[in-house]
């Protein structure tokens, strides 16, 4: 029998993931650096946001965020994590798995290490916030 997970909180954690991404990759935070290291110009990004491909990418990202939040909720349930700190800590542990997988790709793509730091930093922060939310409310 599956654990009792509050799907509304899973959805909320996925929304939080997307909002963090919007802020993280905005020009106010790391967007300018991400653009420089990735080779994707902000002008291209502005045009891309309106394209059909971008809509599909955002939809796929949101589905991925829902899956991530749901798996993290399972992990938190089975580890007995019920506090903000425990949730954030378990989110960081889950991030370590993702970062290890991302590192291989980053090395093969021969991209700047700064791009890896920006991208994996987003996942670390996002997973910790989602973990905190899910531990307390899911």
N, C-alpha and C. Protein backbone atom coordinates (compact mmCIF):
# COMPACT_ATOMS: atom_id res chain seq x y z
N UNK A 1 0.84 -1.18 0.00
CA UNK A 1 0.00 0.00 0.00
C UNK A 1 0.89 1.24 0.00
N UNK A 2 0.60 2.21 -0.89
CA UNK A 2 1.43 3.42 -0.95
C UNK A 2 1.27 4.28 0.31
N UNK A 3 2.31 5.03 0.64
CA UNK A 3 2.21 5.89 1.83
C UNK A 3 1.22 7.03 1.60
N UNK A 4 0.67 7.56 2.67
CA UNK A 4 -0.29 8.67 2.53
C UNK A 4 0.45 9.98 2.23
N UNK A 5 0.51 10.31 0.97
CA UNK A 5 1.21 11.53 0.54
C UNK A 5 0.17 12.53 0.06
N UNK A 6 0.28 13.76 0.55
CA UNK A 6 -0.63 14.83 0.18
C UNK A 6 -0.24 15.34 -1.21
N UNK A 7 -1.05 14.99 -2.21
CA UNK A 7 -0.72 15.34 -3.59
C UNK A 7 -0.80 16.85 -3.84
N UNK A 8 -1.58 17.55 -3.06
CA UNK A 8 -1.64 19.01 -3.20
C UNK A 8 -0.30 19.63 -2.80
N UNK A 9 0.32 19.10 -1.77
CA UNK A 9 1.64 19.59 -1.35
C UNK A 9 2.69 19.21 -2.39
N UNK A 10 2.58 18.03 -2.97
CA UNK A 10 3.49 17.62 -4.05
C UNK A 10 3.37 18.62 -5.20
N UNK A 11 2.16 18.98 -5.58
CA UNK A 11 1.93 19.97 -6.64
C UNK A 11 2.53 21.31 -6.23
N UNK A 12 2.31 21.72 -4.98
CA UNK A 12 2.87 22.98 -4.49
C UNK A 12 4.39 22.99 -4.51
N UNK A 13 5.00 21.86 -4.17
CA UNK A 13 6.46 21.76 -4.21
C UNK A 13 6.96 21.86 -5.65
N UNK A 14 6.22 21.29 -6.58
CA UNK A 14 6.60 21.38 -8.00
C UNK A 14 6.49 22.83 -8.48
N UNK A 15 5.46 23.53 -8.05
CA UNK A 15 5.32 24.95 -8.39
C UNK A 15 6.48 25.75 -7.79
N UNK A 16 6.84 25.44 -6.54
CA UNK A 16 7.97 26.11 -5.90
C UNK A 16 9.25 25.88 -6.70
N UNK A 17 9.43 24.65 -7.18
CA UNK A 17 10.59 24.31 -8.01
C UNK A 17 10.65 25.21 -9.24
N UNK A 18 9.52 25.39 -9.90
CA UNK A 18 9.48 26.21 -11.11
C UNK A 18 9.72 27.69 -10.78
N UNK A 19 9.16 28.17 -9.69
CA UNK A 19 9.36 29.57 -9.30
C UNK A 19 10.83 29.82 -8.93
N UNK A 20 11.43 28.87 -8.25
CA UNK A 20 12.86 29.00 -7.92
C UNK A 20 13.67 29.06 -9.22
N UNK A 21 13.33 28.21 -10.17
CA UNK A 21 14.03 28.22 -11.46
C UNK A 21 13.88 29.54 -12.18
N UNK A 22 12.68 30.11 -12.15
CA UNK A 22 12.46 31.41 -12.80
C UNK A 22 13.35 32.48 -12.16
N UNK A 23 13.43 32.46 -10.84
CA UNK A 23 14.26 33.45 -10.15
C UNK A 23 15.74 33.16 -10.36
N UNK A 24 16.14 31.89 -10.24
CA UNK A 24 17.54 31.48 -10.32
C UNK A 24 18.16 31.88 -11.66
N UNK A 25 17.40 31.65 -12.74
CA UNK A 25 17.92 31.92 -14.07
C UNK A 25 17.52 33.29 -14.60
N UNK A 26 17.00 34.14 -13.74
CA UNK A 26 16.66 35.51 -14.14
C UNK A 26 17.94 36.34 -14.19
N UNK A 27 17.91 37.45 -14.93
CA UNK A 27 19.08 38.33 -14.96
C UNK A 27 19.45 38.88 -13.58
N UNK A 28 18.50 38.95 -12.68
CA UNK A 28 18.78 39.47 -11.34
C UNK A 28 19.67 38.54 -10.53
N UNK A 29 19.63 37.24 -10.81
CA UNK A 29 20.47 36.29 -10.06
C UNK A 29 21.57 35.74 -10.97
N UNK A 30 21.32 34.58 -11.60
CA UNK A 30 22.39 33.92 -12.35
C UNK A 30 22.16 33.88 -13.85
N UNK A 31 21.10 34.50 -14.34
CA UNK A 31 20.77 34.44 -15.76
C UNK A 31 21.86 34.96 -16.68
N UNK A 32 22.49 36.05 -16.31
CA UNK A 32 23.55 36.62 -17.16
C UNK A 32 24.75 35.67 -17.23
N UNK A 33 25.09 35.08 -16.09
CA UNK A 33 26.22 34.15 -16.06
C UNK A 33 25.87 32.86 -16.80
N UNK A 34 24.65 32.36 -16.58
CA UNK A 34 24.21 31.15 -17.27
C UNK A 34 24.27 31.39 -18.78
N UNK A 35 23.81 32.55 -19.21
CA UNK A 35 23.82 32.90 -20.63
C UNK A 35 25.24 32.91 -21.18
N UNK A 36 26.15 33.51 -20.45
CA UNK A 36 27.54 33.59 -20.91
C UNK A 36 28.18 32.21 -20.99
N UNK A 37 27.96 31.37 -19.99
CA UNK A 37 28.61 30.06 -19.96
C UNK A 37 27.93 29.04 -20.87
N UNK A 38 26.63 29.20 -21.10
CA UNK A 38 25.91 28.22 -21.92
C UNK A 38 25.93 28.57 -23.40
N UNK A 39 26.18 29.85 -23.68
CA UNK A 39 26.15 30.28 -25.07
C UNK A 39 24.76 30.64 -25.56
N UNK A 40 23.79 30.61 -24.69
CA UNK A 40 22.42 30.99 -25.04
C UNK A 40 22.25 32.46 -24.64
N UNK A 41 22.03 33.31 -25.63
CA UNK A 41 21.92 34.73 -25.32
C UNK A 41 20.56 35.05 -24.73
N UNK A 42 20.52 36.12 -23.94
CA UNK A 42 19.25 36.53 -23.35
C UNK A 42 18.25 36.94 -24.42
N UNK A 43 18.73 37.47 -25.54
CA UNK A 43 17.84 37.82 -26.64
C UNK A 43 17.19 36.56 -27.19
N UNK A 44 17.99 35.51 -27.40
CA UNK A 44 17.45 34.23 -27.87
C UNK A 44 16.46 33.67 -26.85
N UNK A 45 16.80 33.80 -25.58
CA UNK A 45 15.94 33.26 -24.54
C UNK A 45 14.60 33.98 -24.55
N UNK A 46 14.60 35.29 -24.72
CA UNK A 46 13.35 36.05 -24.77
C UNK A 46 12.48 35.61 -25.92
N UNK A 47 13.09 35.35 -27.07
CA UNK A 47 12.35 34.87 -28.23
C UNK A 47 11.89 33.44 -27.99
N UNK A 48 12.75 32.65 -27.37
CA UNK A 48 12.43 31.25 -27.14
C UNK A 48 11.22 31.10 -26.21
N UNK A 49 11.07 31.99 -25.24
CA UNK A 49 9.97 31.89 -24.29
C UNK A 49 8.62 31.90 -25.00
N UNK A 50 8.56 32.54 -26.15
CA UNK A 50 7.30 32.66 -26.88
C UNK A 50 7.09 31.51 -27.86
N UNK A 51 8.10 30.70 -28.07
CA UNK A 51 8.01 29.65 -29.08
C UNK A 51 7.24 28.43 -28.57
N UNK A 52 6.82 27.61 -29.51
CA UNK A 52 6.13 26.36 -29.18
C UNK A 52 7.07 25.40 -28.46
N UNK A 53 8.34 25.38 -28.87
CA UNK A 53 9.33 24.52 -28.23
C UNK A 53 9.53 24.86 -26.77
N UNK A 54 9.49 26.15 -26.45
CA UNK A 54 9.65 26.56 -25.05
C UNK A 54 8.46 26.11 -24.22
N UNK A 55 7.28 26.18 -24.78
CA UNK A 55 6.08 25.74 -24.05
C UNK A 55 6.20 24.26 -23.71
N UNK A 56 6.68 23.48 -24.67
CA UNK A 56 6.87 22.04 -24.43
C UNK A 56 7.95 21.81 -23.38
N UNK A 57 9.03 22.59 -23.44
CA UNK A 57 10.12 22.45 -22.48
C UNK A 57 9.65 22.80 -21.07
N UNK A 58 8.87 23.87 -20.93
CA UNK A 58 8.35 24.24 -19.61
C UNK A 58 7.38 23.19 -19.09
N UNK A 59 6.54 22.66 -19.98
CA UNK A 59 5.61 21.61 -19.57
C UNK A 59 6.37 20.36 -19.11
N UNK A 60 7.38 19.97 -19.87
CA UNK A 60 8.19 18.81 -19.49
C UNK A 60 8.92 19.06 -18.18
N UNK A 61 9.41 20.29 -17.99
CA UNK A 61 10.09 20.64 -16.73
C UNK A 61 9.13 20.54 -15.56
N UNK A 62 7.89 20.97 -15.76
CA UNK A 62 6.91 20.92 -14.68
C UNK A 62 6.54 19.47 -14.36
N UNK A 63 6.38 18.66 -15.36
CA UNK A 63 6.10 17.24 -15.12
C UNK A 63 7.28 16.61 -14.37
N UNK A 64 8.49 16.95 -14.78
CA UNK A 64 9.68 16.47 -14.07
C UNK A 64 9.71 16.94 -12.62
N UNK A 65 9.27 18.17 -12.38
CA UNK A 65 9.23 18.70 -11.01
C UNK A 65 8.19 17.95 -10.17
N UNK A 66 7.07 17.59 -10.77
CA UNK A 66 6.05 16.83 -10.05
C UNK A 66 6.60 15.44 -9.70
N UNK A 67 7.24 14.79 -10.65
CA UNK A 67 7.82 13.47 -10.39
C UNK A 67 8.88 13.57 -9.30
N UNK A 68 9.74 14.57 -9.39
CA UNK A 68 10.79 14.76 -8.38
C UNK A 68 10.18 14.97 -7.00
N UNK A 69 9.18 15.82 -6.92
CA UNK A 69 8.54 16.09 -5.63
C UNK A 69 7.88 14.84 -5.07
N UNK A 70 7.25 14.05 -5.93
CA UNK A 70 6.59 12.84 -5.47
C UNK A 70 7.61 11.82 -4.95
N UNK A 71 8.71 11.64 -5.68
CA UNK A 71 9.75 10.71 -5.25
C UNK A 71 10.38 11.20 -3.95
N UNK A 72 10.61 12.50 -3.85
CA UNK A 72 11.17 13.06 -2.63
C UNK A 72 10.20 12.87 -1.46
N UNK A 73 8.90 13.01 -1.70
CA UNK A 73 7.91 12.78 -0.64
C UNK A 73 7.97 11.33 -0.15
N UNK A 74 8.11 10.39 -1.06
CA UNK A 74 8.27 8.98 -0.68
C UNK A 74 9.51 8.80 0.20
N UNK A 75 10.62 9.36 -0.26
CA UNK A 75 11.89 9.26 0.46
C UNK A 75 11.75 9.84 1.87
N UNK A 76 11.11 10.97 1.97
CA UNK A 76 10.92 11.61 3.28
C UNK A 76 10.02 10.77 4.18
N UNK A 77 8.97 10.20 3.60
CA UNK A 77 8.06 9.37 4.38
C UNK A 77 8.79 8.16 4.94
N UNK A 78 9.54 7.47 4.10
CA UNK A 78 10.21 6.24 4.53
C UNK A 78 11.41 6.48 5.43
N UNK A 79 11.92 7.71 5.45
CA UNK A 79 13.02 8.02 6.37
C UNK A 79 12.50 8.72 7.63
N UNK A 80 11.19 8.90 7.73
CA UNK A 80 10.60 9.50 8.93
C UNK A 80 10.93 10.97 9.09
N UNK A 81 11.16 11.67 8.00
CA UNK A 81 11.52 13.09 8.05
C UNK A 81 10.27 13.95 8.17
N UNK A 82 10.17 14.71 9.25
CA UNK A 82 8.96 15.51 9.48
C UNK A 82 9.26 16.96 9.84
N UNK A 83 10.52 17.37 9.81
CA UNK A 83 10.84 18.76 10.14
C UNK A 83 11.45 19.46 8.92
N UNK A 84 11.47 20.77 8.97
CA UNK A 84 12.06 21.56 7.89
C UNK A 84 13.52 21.15 7.68
N UNK A 85 14.27 21.04 8.78
CA UNK A 85 15.69 20.69 8.67
C UNK A 85 15.88 19.30 8.07
N UNK A 86 15.11 18.32 8.55
CA UNK A 86 15.24 16.96 8.01
C UNK A 86 14.88 16.93 6.53
N UNK A 87 13.82 17.64 6.16
CA UNK A 87 13.41 17.69 4.76
C UNK A 87 14.46 18.33 3.87
N UNK A 88 15.02 19.44 4.33
CA UNK A 88 16.07 20.12 3.56
C UNK A 88 17.30 19.23 3.43
N UNK A 89 17.65 18.55 4.52
CA UNK A 89 18.81 17.65 4.52
C UNK A 89 18.60 16.49 3.54
N UNK A 90 17.43 15.90 3.56
CA UNK A 90 17.15 14.78 2.64
C UNK A 90 17.07 15.28 1.20
N UNK A 91 16.59 16.51 1.02
CA UNK A 91 16.60 17.11 -0.32
C UNK A 91 18.03 17.26 -0.83
N UNK A 92 18.94 17.65 0.06
CA UNK A 92 20.35 17.77 -0.32
C UNK A 92 20.95 16.41 -0.66
N UNK A 93 20.53 15.38 0.05
CA UNK A 93 21.02 14.03 -0.25
C UNK A 93 20.52 13.59 -1.63
N UNK A 94 19.26 13.87 -1.91
CA UNK A 94 18.72 13.52 -3.22
C UNK A 94 19.44 14.31 -4.32
N UNK A 95 19.75 15.58 -4.02
CA UNK A 95 20.50 16.40 -4.97
C UNK A 95 21.85 15.78 -5.29
N UNK A 96 22.52 15.21 -4.30
CA UNK A 96 23.84 14.63 -4.51
C UNK A 96 23.80 13.56 -5.60
N UNK A 97 22.73 12.79 -5.63
CA UNK A 97 22.57 11.77 -6.67
C UNK A 97 22.43 12.44 -8.04
N UNK A 98 21.61 13.47 -8.10
CA UNK A 98 21.40 14.19 -9.36
C UNK A 98 22.69 14.88 -9.81
N UNK A 99 23.39 15.52 -8.87
CA UNK A 99 24.62 16.23 -9.21
C UNK A 99 25.68 15.27 -9.73
N UNK A 100 25.76 14.09 -9.13
CA UNK A 100 26.73 13.10 -9.61
C UNK A 100 26.42 12.70 -11.04
N UNK A 101 25.15 12.52 -11.35
CA UNK A 101 24.75 12.18 -12.72
C UNK A 101 25.02 13.34 -13.68
N UNK A 102 24.75 14.56 -13.22
CA UNK A 102 24.98 15.74 -14.05
C UNK A 102 26.47 15.96 -14.34
N UNK A 103 27.32 15.62 -13.38
CA UNK A 103 28.75 15.87 -13.52
C UNK A 103 29.34 15.13 -14.72
N UNK A 104 28.94 13.88 -14.89
CA UNK A 104 29.43 13.12 -16.03
C UNK A 104 29.06 13.78 -17.35
N UNK A 105 27.81 14.21 -17.44
CA UNK A 105 27.36 14.89 -18.66
C UNK A 105 28.09 16.19 -18.89
N UNK A 106 28.30 16.95 -17.80
CA UNK A 106 29.01 18.22 -17.92
C UNK A 106 30.44 18.02 -18.42
N UNK A 107 31.09 16.96 -17.94
CA UNK A 107 32.45 16.69 -18.39
C UNK A 107 32.48 16.26 -19.86
N UNK A 108 31.52 15.41 -20.25
CA UNK A 108 31.47 14.96 -21.64
C UNK A 108 31.13 16.09 -22.61
N UNK A 109 30.30 17.03 -22.15
CA UNK A 109 29.91 18.15 -23.01
C UNK A 109 31.00 19.22 -23.08
N UNK A 110 32.00 19.11 -22.22
CA UNK A 110 33.10 20.06 -22.19
C UNK A 110 32.61 21.50 -21.98
N UNK A 111 31.63 21.65 -21.13
CA UNK A 111 31.10 22.97 -20.79
C UNK A 111 31.90 23.53 -19.62
N UNK A 112 31.86 24.84 -19.43
CA UNK A 112 32.57 25.43 -18.29
C UNK A 112 32.04 24.90 -16.96
N UNK A 113 32.95 24.71 -16.01
CA UNK A 113 32.55 24.20 -14.70
C UNK A 113 31.58 25.17 -14.01
N UNK A 114 31.67 26.44 -14.34
CA UNK A 114 30.76 27.42 -13.75
C UNK A 114 29.30 27.14 -14.15
N UNK A 115 29.10 26.65 -15.36
CA UNK A 115 27.75 26.30 -15.80
C UNK A 115 27.21 25.14 -14.97
N UNK A 116 28.06 24.16 -14.71
CA UNK A 116 27.67 23.04 -13.84
C UNK A 116 27.31 23.55 -12.45
N UNK A 117 28.09 24.47 -11.92
CA UNK A 117 27.84 25.01 -10.58
C UNK A 117 26.50 25.75 -10.55
N UNK A 118 26.21 26.55 -11.56
CA UNK A 118 24.94 27.27 -11.62
C UNK A 118 23.78 26.28 -11.70
N UNK A 119 23.85 25.33 -12.62
CA UNK A 119 22.76 24.39 -12.82
C UNK A 119 22.56 23.47 -11.61
N UNK A 120 23.64 22.92 -11.10
CA UNK A 120 23.49 22.02 -9.96
C UNK A 120 23.14 22.80 -8.69
N UNK A 121 23.57 24.04 -8.60
CA UNK A 121 23.19 24.88 -7.46
C UNK A 121 21.69 25.12 -7.43
N UNK A 122 21.11 25.32 -8.60
CA UNK A 122 19.64 25.46 -8.69
C UNK A 122 18.96 24.21 -8.14
N UNK A 123 19.44 23.05 -8.56
CA UNK A 123 18.83 21.80 -8.10
C UNK A 123 19.00 21.63 -6.59
N UNK A 124 20.18 21.97 -6.07
CA UNK A 124 20.41 21.85 -4.63
C UNK A 124 19.41 22.71 -3.86
N UNK A 125 19.33 23.98 -4.22
CA UNK A 125 18.43 24.88 -3.51
C UNK A 125 16.97 24.43 -3.65
N UNK A 126 16.60 24.07 -4.87
CA UNK A 126 15.23 23.65 -5.13
C UNK A 126 14.86 22.38 -4.37
N UNK A 127 15.75 21.39 -4.38
CA UNK A 127 15.48 20.13 -3.66
C UNK A 127 15.37 20.37 -2.16
N UNK A 128 16.19 21.27 -1.65
CA UNK A 128 16.13 21.56 -0.21
C UNK A 128 14.81 22.25 0.16
N UNK A 129 14.37 23.18 -0.66
CA UNK A 129 13.09 23.86 -0.41
C UNK A 129 11.94 22.86 -0.53
N UNK A 130 11.95 22.05 -1.60
CA UNK A 130 10.89 21.05 -1.76
C UNK A 130 10.90 20.06 -0.60
N UNK A 131 12.09 19.62 -0.19
CA UNK A 131 12.20 18.69 0.93
C UNK A 131 11.63 19.28 2.21
N UNK A 132 11.94 20.54 2.47
CA UNK A 132 11.41 21.22 3.66
C UNK A 132 9.89 21.27 3.62
N UNK A 133 9.35 21.64 2.48
CA UNK A 133 7.89 21.73 2.32
C UNK A 133 7.23 20.36 2.52
N UNK A 134 7.77 19.38 1.84
CA UNK A 134 7.17 18.05 1.84
C UNK A 134 7.27 17.37 3.20
N UNK A 135 8.38 17.57 3.89
CA UNK A 135 8.55 16.93 5.20
C UNK A 135 7.51 17.43 6.18
N UNK A 136 7.21 18.70 6.11
CA UNK A 136 6.28 19.30 7.08
C UNK A 136 4.83 19.09 6.70
N UNK A 137 4.51 19.21 5.40
CA UNK A 137 3.09 19.22 5.00
C UNK A 137 2.59 18.00 4.24
N UNK A 138 3.49 17.20 3.66
CA UNK A 138 3.00 16.08 2.85
C UNK A 138 2.71 14.89 3.73
